[in-house]
Protein backbone atom coordinates (compact mmCIF):
# COMPACT_ATOMS: atom_id res chain seq x y z
CA UNK A 1 -3.56 -2.32 -3.79
CA UNK A 2 -2.11 -2.10 -7.31
CA UNK A 3 -5.56 -2.79 -8.76
CA UNK A 4 -6.96 0.17 -6.85
CA UNK A 5 -4.26 2.45 -8.27
CA UNK A 6 -4.79 1.27 -11.85
CA UNK A 7 -7.09 4.20 -12.80
CA UNK A 8 -4.12 6.53 -12.32
CA UNK A 9 -2.66 5.06 -15.50
CA UNK A 10 -5.31 7.05 -17.37
CA UNK A 11 -3.80 10.48 -17.97
CA UNK A 12 -7.10 12.36 -17.78
CA UNK A 13 -8.11 10.75 -14.49
CA UNK A 14 -4.65 11.22 -12.96
CA UNK A 15 -4.74 14.93 -13.78
CA UNK A 16 -8.25 15.51 -12.44
CA UNK A 17 -7.75 13.31 -9.36
CA UNK A 18 -4.46 14.89 -8.28
CA UNK A 19 -5.79 18.41 -8.78
CA UNK A 20 -8.96 17.54 -6.85
CA UNK A 21 -6.78 16.28 -3.99
CA UNK A 22 -4.94 19.62 -3.83
CA UNK A 23 -8.23 21.52 -3.90
CA UNK A 24 -9.83 19.25 -1.30
CA UNK A 25 -6.97 19.82 1.13
CA UNK A 26 -7.47 23.56 0.67
CA UNK A 27 -11.22 23.25 1.24
CA UNK A 28 -10.74 21.41 4.52
CA UNK A 29 -8.21 24.05 5.58
CA UNK A 30 -10.81 26.73 4.89
CA UNK A 31 -13.55 24.87 6.79
CA UNK A 32 -11.37 24.78 9.92
CA UNK A 33 -10.21 28.38 9.63
CA UNK A 34 -13.72 29.67 8.94
CA UNK A 35 -15.02 28.06 12.12
CA UNK A 36 -12.14 29.55 14.09
CA UNK A 37 -12.69 33.06 12.71
CA UNK A 38 -16.46 33.08 13.26
CA UNK A 39 -16.13 31.68 16.77
CA UNK A 40 -13.42 34.18 17.73
CA UNK A 41 -15.36 37.16 16.40
CA UNK A 42 -18.87 36.30 17.53
CA UNK A 43 -18.30 34.17 20.65
CA UNK A 44 -21.65 32.65 19.72
CA UNK A 45 -22.02 28.93 18.85
CA UNK A 46 -25.06 29.83 16.74
CA UNK A 47 -22.86 31.59 14.19
CA UNK A 48 -20.37 28.73 14.25
CA UNK A 49 -23.13 26.28 13.38
CA UNK A 50 -24.58 28.67 10.81
CA UNK A 51 -21.33 29.00 8.88
CA UNK A 52 -20.93 25.21 8.75
CA UNK A 53 -24.51 24.76 7.59
CA UNK A 54 -24.16 27.52 4.99
CA UNK A 55 -21.50 25.55 3.14
CA UNK A 56 -23.36 22.22 3.42
CA UNK A 57 -27.06 22.98 2.90
CA UNK A 58 -26.75 23.94 -0.80
CA UNK A 59 -25.54 20.42 -1.60
CA UNK A 60 -28.78 18.90 -0.33
CA UNK A 61 -30.93 21.50 -2.08
CA UNK A 62 -29.17 22.30 -5.35
CA UNK A 63 -27.58 18.99 -6.38
CA UNK A 64 -30.50 18.18 -8.75
CA UNK A 65 -29.99 21.55 -10.44
CA UNK A 66 -26.29 20.77 -10.73
CA UNK A 67 -27.21 17.41 -12.26
CA UNK A 68 -29.38 19.10 -14.90
CA UNK A 69 -26.55 21.47 -15.80
CA UNK A 70 -24.09 18.56 -15.94
CA UNK A 71 -26.29 16.90 -18.57
CA UNK A 72 -27.11 20.12 -20.43
CA UNK A 73 -23.72 21.87 -20.63
CA UNK A 74 -20.22 20.92 -21.62
CA UNK A 75 -19.12 19.23 -18.41
CA UNK A 76 -15.47 20.25 -18.55
CA UNK A 77 -16.21 23.92 -19.17
CA UNK A 78 -19.00 24.06 -16.59
CA UNK A 79 -16.75 22.54 -13.92
CA UNK A 80 -14.14 25.20 -14.70
CA UNK A 81 -16.78 27.89 -14.20
CA UNK A 82 -17.98 26.53 -10.84
CA UNK A 83 -14.39 26.00 -9.68
CA UNK A 84 -13.57 29.61 -10.47
CA UNK A 85 -16.68 30.59 -8.49
CA UNK A 86 -15.41 28.69 -5.44
CA UNK A 87 -11.98 30.27 -5.86
CA UNK A 88 -13.56 33.72 -5.98
CA UNK A 89 -15.47 33.10 -2.74
CA UNK A 90 -12.28 31.92 -1.03
CA UNK A 91 -10.49 35.06 -2.21
CA UNK A 92 -13.30 37.24 -0.80
CA UNK A 93 -13.01 35.42 2.53
CA UNK A 94 -9.27 36.13 2.53
CA UNK A 95 -9.94 39.85 2.07
CA UNK A 96 -12.66 39.90 4.75
CA UNK A 97 -10.40 38.07 7.21
CA UNK A 98 -7.48 40.37 6.46
CA UNK A 99 -9.52 43.49 7.24
CA UNK A 100 -10.42 42.09 10.64
CA UNK A 101 -13.74 43.92 10.76
CA UNK A 102 -16.11 41.78 8.68
CA UNK A 103 -19.29 40.82 10.59
CA UNK A 104 -20.12 37.16 11.06
CA UNK A 105 -23.13 37.37 8.77
CA UNK A 106 -20.90 38.44 5.88
CA UNK A 107 -18.69 35.38 6.36
CA UNK A 108 -21.78 33.17 6.43
CA UNK A 109 -23.08 34.70 3.19
CA UNK A 110 -19.79 34.16 1.37
CA UNK A 111 -19.56 30.59 2.70
CA UNK A 112 -23.10 30.00 1.41
CA UNK A 113 -22.19 31.30 -2.05
CA UNK A 114 -19.17 29.01 -2.11
CA UNK A 115 -21.46 26.13 -1.13
CA UNK A 116 -23.79 27.02 -4.00
CA UNK A 117 -20.90 26.89 -6.47
CA UNK A 118 -19.82 23.52 -5.09
CA UNK A 119 -23.37 22.15 -5.14
CA UNK A 120 -23.99 22.96 -8.80
CA UNK A 121 -20.51 21.77 -9.80
CA UNK A 122 -20.01 18.53 -7.90
CA UNK A 123 -22.54 16.45 -9.90
CA UNK A 124 -20.53 17.42 -12.98
CA UNK A 125 -17.34 16.09 -11.39
CA UNK A 126 -19.12 12.86 -10.48
CA UNK A 127 -20.64 12.50 -13.96
CA UNK A 128 -17.23 13.01 -15.57
CA UNK A 129 -15.53 10.08 -13.83
CA UNK A 130 -16.80 7.33 -16.18
CA UNK A 131 -15.47 9.40 -19.09
CA UNK A 132 -11.98 9.58 -17.57
CA UNK A 133 -11.24 5.85 -17.21
CA UNK A 134 -12.00 2.56 -18.98
CA UNK A 135 -15.16 0.82 -17.74
CA UNK A 136 -13.15 -1.84 -15.90
CA UNK A 137 -11.42 0.84 -13.83
CA UNK A 138 -14.57 2.71 -12.75
CA UNK A 139 -14.83 1.14 -9.29
CA UNK A 140 -11.16 1.90 -8.66
CA UNK A 141 -11.68 5.48 -9.85
CA UNK A 142 -14.65 6.05 -7.53
CA UNK A 143 -12.67 4.44 -4.68
CA UNK A 144 -9.71 6.72 -5.31
CA UNK A 145 -12.04 9.72 -5.35
CA UNK A 146 -13.31 8.67 -1.92
CA UNK A 147 -9.72 8.19 -0.77
CA UNK A 148 -8.62 11.67 -1.86
CA UNK A 149 -11.59 13.22 -0.06
CA UNK A 150 -10.63 11.49 3.18
CA UNK A 151 -6.93 12.20 2.74
CA UNK A 152 -7.89 15.85 2.42
CA UNK A 153 -9.98 15.58 5.59
CA UNK A 154 -6.94 14.27 7.48
CA UNK A 155 -4.28 16.58 5.99
CA UNK A 156 -6.32 19.77 5.60
CA UNK A 157 -7.09 20.48 9.26
CA UNK A 158 -3.50 19.74 10.24
CA UNK A 159 -2.15 22.17 7.63
CA UNK A 160 -4.76 24.73 8.67
CA UNK A 161 -3.41 24.58 12.21
CA UNK A 162 0.14 25.16 10.96
CA UNK A 163 -0.86 28.13 8.77
CA UNK A 164 -3.01 29.65 11.52
CA UNK A 165 -0.08 29.48 13.94
CA UNK A 166 2.46 30.77 11.43
CA UNK A 167 0.27 33.40 9.78
CA UNK A 168 -3.45 34.06 9.95
CA UNK A 169 -6.85 32.86 8.73
CA UNK A 170 -6.50 35.19 5.73
CA UNK A 171 -3.52 33.12 4.59
CA UNK A 172 -5.58 29.92 4.89
CA UNK A 173 -8.32 31.35 2.69
CA UNK A 174 -5.74 32.59 0.20
CA UNK A 175 -4.13 29.14 0.03
CA UNK A 176 -7.55 27.62 -0.66
CA UNK A 177 -8.23 30.13 -3.44
CA UNK A 178 -4.93 29.23 -5.08
CA UNK A 179 -5.59 25.49 -4.68
CA UNK A 180 -8.59 25.72 -7.02
CA UNK A 181 -6.15 26.78 -9.72
CA UNK A 182 -4.86 23.20 -9.83
CA UNK A 183 -8.32 21.98 -10.89
CA UNK A 184 -8.68 24.67 -13.55
CA UNK A 185 -5.22 23.86 -14.93
CA UNK A 186 -6.00 20.13 -15.08
CA UNK A 187 -9.37 20.65 -16.76
CA UNK A 188 -7.78 22.97 -19.31
CA UNK A 189 -5.81 20.05 -20.80
CA UNK A 190 -8.39 17.26 -20.35
CA UNK A 191 -10.47 16.16 -23.31
CA UNK A 192 -13.73 14.25 -22.83
CA UNK A 193 -15.82 12.22 -25.28
CA UNK A 194 -18.78 14.08 -26.74
CA UNK A 195 -22.16 13.18 -25.20
CA UNK A 196 -25.37 14.21 -26.94
CA UNK A 197 -27.35 16.48 -24.65
CA UNK A 198 -30.78 18.02 -24.49
CA UNK A 199 -32.34 16.09 -27.39
CA UNK A 200 -36.09 16.67 -27.53
CA UNK A 201 -36.04 18.85 -24.43
CA UNK A 202 -37.08 22.46 -24.04
CA UNK A 203 -34.36 22.99 -21.44
CA UNK A 204 -36.59 23.84 -18.47
CA UNK A 205 -34.74 22.88 -15.30
CA UNK A 206 -37.74 21.53 -13.37
CA UNK A 207 -38.86 19.39 -16.29
CA UNK A 208 -35.37 17.94 -16.67
CA UNK A 209 -35.16 17.21 -12.94
CA UNK A 210 -38.47 15.34 -13.15
CA UNK A 211 -37.25 13.48 -16.21
CA UNK A 212 -34.07 12.49 -14.36
CA UNK A 213 -36.14 11.24 -11.42
CA UNK A 214 -38.22 9.11 -13.79
CA UNK A 215 -35.08 7.65 -15.35
CA UNK A 216 -33.69 6.84 -11.89
CA UNK A 217 -36.99 5.25 -10.82
CA UNK A 218 -37.16 3.15 -13.99
CA UNK A 219 -33.61 1.78 -13.70
CA UNK A 220 -33.59 -0.95 -10.99
CA UNK A 221 -29.97 -0.50 -9.91
CA UNK A 222 -30.20 3.29 -9.63
CA UNK A 223 -33.52 3.05 -7.81
CA UNK A 224 -32.17 0.55 -5.29
CA UNK A 225 -28.99 2.57 -4.69
CA UNK A 226 -30.99 5.75 -4.01
CA UNK A 227 -33.39 3.96 -1.64
CA UNK A 228 -30.53 2.34 0.28
CA UNK A 229 -28.46 5.53 0.56
CA UNK A 230 -31.55 7.27 1.96
CA UNK A 231 -31.92 4.62 4.67
CA UNK A 232 -28.21 4.69 5.49
CA UNK A 233 -28.16 8.51 5.57
CA UNK A 234 -31.10 8.68 7.99
CA UNK A 235 -30.05 5.95 10.44
CA UNK A 236 -26.31 5.36 10.03
CA UNK A 237 -24.60 8.48 8.68
CA UNK A 238 -25.40 10.74 11.69
CA UNK A 239 -22.48 9.18 13.58
CA UNK A 240 -20.27 11.66 11.66
CA UNK A 241 -21.97 14.73 13.11
CA UNK A 242 -21.99 13.19 16.60
CA UNK A 243 -18.26 12.40 16.82
CA UNK A 244 -17.53 15.49 18.97
CA UNK A 245 -20.37 14.51 21.33
CA UNK A 246 -18.94 11.00 21.66
CA UNK A 247 -15.44 12.33 22.42
CA UNK A 248 -16.44 15.18 24.73
CA UNK A 249 -19.64 14.02 26.44
CA UNK A 250 -19.26 10.25 26.59
CA UNK A 251 -15.49 9.76 26.70
CA UNK A 252 -14.59 13.07 28.42
CA UNK A 253 -11.54 13.58 26.18
CA UNK A 254 -12.32 17.03 24.77
CA UNK A 255 -11.02 18.42 21.48
CA UNK A 256 -8.03 16.08 21.48
CA UNK A 257 -10.36 13.09 21.66
CA UNK A 258 -12.43 14.49 18.79
CA UNK A 259 -9.28 14.80 16.69
CA UNK A 260 -8.30 11.21 17.46
CA UNK A 261 -11.70 9.84 16.44
CA UNK A 262 -11.92 11.92 13.25
CA UNK A 263 -8.41 10.91 12.25
CA UNK A 264 -9.13 7.23 12.89
CA UNK A 265 -12.29 7.43 10.80
CA UNK A 266 -10.38 9.05 7.95
CA UNK A 267 -7.62 6.44 8.08
CA UNK A 268 -10.17 3.64 7.94
CA UNK A 269 -11.88 5.26 4.97
CA UNK A 270 -8.64 5.74 3.05
CA UNK A 271 -7.47 2.17 3.72
CA UNK A 272 -10.77 0.75 2.52
CA UNK A 273 -10.77 2.91 -0.60
CA UNK A 274 -7.29 1.69 -1.52
CA UNK A 275 -8.11 -2.02 -1.20
CA UNK A 276 -11.71 -1.99 -2.43
CA UNK A 277 -11.00 -2.91 -6.05
CA UNK A 278 -8.89 -6.00 -5.16
CA UNK A 279 -11.60 -7.06 -2.68
CA UNK A 280 -14.22 -6.90 -5.43
CA UNK A 281 -12.04 -9.14 -7.58
CA UNK A 282 -11.60 -11.56 -4.67
CA UNK A 283 -15.17 -11.62 -3.34
CA UNK A 284 -17.21 -10.56 -6.33
CA UNK A 285 -20.78 -9.43 -6.06
CA UNK A 286 -21.16 -10.18 -2.36
CA UNK A 287 -19.01 -7.26 -1.26
CA UNK A 288 -21.55 -4.43 -1.35
CA UNK A 289 -24.17 -6.41 0.56
CA UNK A 290 -21.46 -7.37 3.05
CA UNK A 291 -20.58 -3.69 3.56
CA UNK A 292 -24.25 -2.83 4.08
CA UNK A 293 -24.37 -5.42 6.89
CA UNK A 294 -20.92 -4.79 8.38
CA UNK A 295 -21.37 -1.01 8.68
CA UNK A 296 -24.23 -1.13 11.25
CA UNK A 297 -22.47 -3.85 13.25
CA UNK A 298 -19.35 -1.69 13.38
CA UNK A 299 -21.54 1.19 14.60
CA UNK A 300 -22.79 -0.98 17.47
CA UNK A 301 -19.17 -1.71 18.44
CA UNK A 302 -18.30 1.98 18.27
CA UNK A 303 -21.26 2.91 20.46
CA UNK A 304 -20.34 0.33 23.10
CA UNK A 305 -16.59 1.12 23.18
CA UNK A 306 -15.62 1.95 26.79
CA UNK A 307 -12.50 4.05 26.12
CA UNK A 308 -11.08 6.53 23.63
CA UNK A 309 -8.71 4.07 22.03
CA UNK A 310 -11.37 1.39 21.89
CA UNK A 311 -13.67 3.89 20.19
CA UNK A 312 -10.84 4.88 17.82
CA UNK A 313 -10.33 1.25 16.78
CA UNK A 314 -14.07 0.81 16.31
CA UNK A 315 -14.57 4.02 14.30
CA UNK A 316 -11.66 3.05 12.07
CA UNK A 317 -13.71 -0.01 11.11
CA UNK A 318 -16.85 2.14 10.84
CA UNK A 319 -15.05 4.50 8.45
CA UNK A 320 -13.85 1.61 6.31
CA UNK A 321 -17.30 0.00 6.07
CA UNK A 322 -19.02 3.33 5.46
CA UNK A 323 -16.76 4.15 2.51
CA UNK A 324 -17.42 0.65 1.18
CA UNK A 325 -21.16 1.41 1.23
CA UNK A 326 -20.86 4.91 -0.28
CA UNK A 327 -18.41 3.84 -2.98
CA UNK A 328 -20.39 0.75 -3.89
CA UNK A 329 -23.73 2.52 -4.20
CA UNK A 330 -22.20 5.49 -6.00
CA UNK A 331 -20.52 3.19 -8.50
CA UNK A 332 -23.79 1.39 -9.19
CA UNK A 333 -25.37 4.73 -10.10
CA UNK A 334 -22.36 5.72 -12.21
CA UNK A 335 -22.55 2.50 -14.22
CA UNK A 336 -26.30 2.10 -14.54
CA UNK A 337 -27.40 5.67 -15.31
CA UNK A 338 -27.64 6.47 -19.04
CA UNK A 339 -24.72 8.74 -20.06
CA UNK A 340 -27.04 11.52 -21.22
CA UNK A 341 -28.85 11.51 -17.84
CA UNK A 342 -25.96 10.57 -15.56
CA UNK A 343 -25.65 14.04 -14.05
CA UNK A 344 -29.35 14.23 -13.12
CA UNK A 345 -29.44 10.76 -11.59
CA UNK A 346 -26.27 11.47 -9.61
CA UNK A 347 -27.72 14.82 -8.55
CA UNK A 348 -30.78 13.05 -7.20
CA UNK A 349 -28.58 10.52 -5.39
CA UNK A 350 -26.53 13.30 -3.82
CA UNK A 351 -29.65 15.26 -2.88
CA UNK A 352 -31.04 12.27 -0.99
CA UNK A 353 -27.76 11.83 0.88
CA UNK A 354 -27.28 15.55 1.52
CA UNK A 355 -30.87 16.29 2.58
CA UNK A 356 -31.61 13.23 4.72
CA UNK A 357 -28.30 13.10 6.60
CA UNK A 358 -28.86 16.43 8.46
CA UNK A 359 -32.36 15.30 9.45
CA UNK A 360 -30.97 12.10 10.91
CA UNK A 361 -28.21 14.01 12.69
CA UNK A 362 -30.69 16.39 14.32
CA UNK A 363 -33.04 13.58 15.38
CA UNK A 364 -30.29 11.37 16.79
CA UNK A 365 -28.62 14.36 18.43
CA UNK A 366 -31.87 15.26 20.20
CA UNK A 367 -32.38 11.69 21.37
CA UNK A 368 -28.75 11.48 22.48
CA UNK A 369 -29.24 14.58 24.61
CA UNK A 370 -32.00 12.74 26.48
CA UNK A 371 -30.65 9.19 26.72
CA UNK A 372 -26.92 9.34 25.92
CA UNK A 373 -24.72 9.33 22.82
CA UNK A 374 -23.42 5.79 23.35
CA UNK A 375 -26.90 4.36 23.56
CA UNK A 376 -28.13 6.21 20.46
CA UNK A 377 -25.11 5.16 18.39
CA UNK A 378 -25.39 1.49 19.35
CA UNK A 379 -29.18 1.40 18.87
CA UNK A 380 -28.95 3.14 15.49
CA UNK A 381 -26.51 0.47 14.37
CA UNK A 382 -28.85 -2.24 15.59
CA UNK A 383 -31.84 -0.65 13.85
CA UNK A 384 -29.93 -0.27 10.57
CA UNK A 385 -28.77 -3.89 10.71
CA UNK A 386 -32.33 -5.06 11.37
CA UNK A 387 -33.63 -3.03 8.43
CA UNK A 388 -31.00 -4.47 6.10
CA UNK A 389 -31.76 -8.03 7.22
CA UNK A 390 -35.48 -7.42 6.74
CA UNK A 391 -34.89 -6.02 3.25
CA UNK A 392 -32.72 -8.99 2.39
CA UNK A 393 -35.36 -11.46 3.55
CA UNK A 394 -38.53 -9.79 2.32
CA UNK A 395 -37.39 -7.43 -0.44
CA UNK A 396 -34.45 -9.35 -1.83
CA UNK A 397 -35.00 -7.89 -5.27
CA UNK A 398 -33.73 -4.57 -3.89
CA UNK A 399 -30.30 -6.17 -3.44
CA UNK A 400 -30.65 -8.23 -6.60
CA UNK A 401 -30.90 -5.03 -8.63
CA UNK A 402 -27.52 -3.98 -7.24
CA UNK A 403 -25.96 -7.37 -7.75
CA UNK A 404 -27.04 -7.54 -11.36
CA UNK A 405 -25.04 -4.38 -11.95
CA UNK A 406 -21.87 -4.79 -14.05
CA UNK A 407 -20.07 -2.90 -11.27
CA UNK A 408 -19.69 -6.05 -9.19
CA UNK A 409 -18.62 -8.93 -11.43
CA UNK A 410 -18.62 -12.51 -10.29
CA UNK A 411 -15.57 -13.64 -8.38
CA UNK A 412 -13.09 -15.63 -10.45
CA UNK A 413 -14.08 -19.24 -10.75
CA UNK A 414 -17.69 -18.67 -9.73
CA UNK A 415 -19.82 -19.88 -12.58
CA UNK A 416 -23.10 -20.03 -10.76
CA UNK A 417 -23.71 -16.28 -10.56
CA UNK A 418 -25.43 -16.79 -7.17
CA UNK A 419 -23.03 -14.96 -4.88
CA UNK A 420 -25.72 -13.88 -2.45
CA UNK A 421 -26.57 -17.30 -1.07
CA UNK A 422 -29.65 -17.09 1.11
CA UNK A 423 -29.84 -13.31 0.77
CA UNK A 424 -31.19 -13.11 -2.75
CA UNK A 425 -33.15 -15.54 -4.83
CA UNK A 426 -31.34 -15.43 -8.20
CA UNK A 427 -34.65 -16.08 -9.95
CA UNK A 428 -36.36 -13.15 -8.26
CA UNK A 429 -37.34 -10.20 -10.44
CA UNK A 430 -35.23 -7.09 -10.05
CA UNK A 431 -38.22 -4.74 -9.91
CA UNK A 432 -40.16 -4.42 -6.64
């Protein structure tokens, strides 16, 4: 646990992390309140879905552009600009909610603009993390970033409920607007090392995106991480979108059941994020591969759970394993991408996750409507496990590229360097 908290000793990281936690809580409060307002005004589930998609879709589409800007501009100043953009959108939502007459389409448009600001800013935040901590603390820093996101997901909706009961949705949006001020204040006092940018480049966005894709394809660890996150996003990640269906349709426990499952998932994610760094020290390079195998098995258990509390226990494990996968793969990209191209490679990674996950959610949701949510969840876990086993047996170099990353050092006392056992031939080349 203490190892996981070690990055907080770095002043710059502690400032950015704590301010991001405040802002993330506010963002989750806004997400809940926005859904409530749109539903109450339109009485149409289509608008409810549209406002959720409006905030999410830009991440899958614009992350590569955000990556280019992260590599081209001063990262600290650009993140301040995008944060102020998000704050401005939240303030507009507060005004629209306070008037009580804004049409649903106007709320969707403002939510979309806020999503655009987040999409072009988040790769910059990700690319900054290695500059905020020593190299040995990077895994802990990425883990803590995952933890603060999930803490916000647990705390934000609860606080939104309190503010909605005590005041109104306009107050929730106003609180979120103010919360972005914590990030701006932290960034105002943070100083980052200078990274040379844009050398030999004419600055065209498309050309720089293509260049970033070539860099990611040429680096074995980055390439493997992007391929694996695409597979996980398509087959495994849709469980997140289908939690309400599991609680309401399969378990017949309504909104309360949905809250229980979401909370359990968040608790599992936070617990894993807090102990991940010590686990890496204890188990070394085997941990990421173990998470890639444990996650689909946990999904099978979640799909087969017969009761709400059984499903809650299972999804707690799912949440823990899922964060282990996301944090591990993200850290590989953070460490292996060249500093001058880190934003573009991370933008590509985030685009794959953000664009493929909705496709998987729609496909699995459609199948679940025909055959049942339990069956789809369990089968998806089985399919993902089979794919990972097949990759380990027949494309072991895909995992070897991850394991050769400095992110996952050998466990103490292991001099052989062969932590993968039968999974990976240590003599195998790291390029497919």
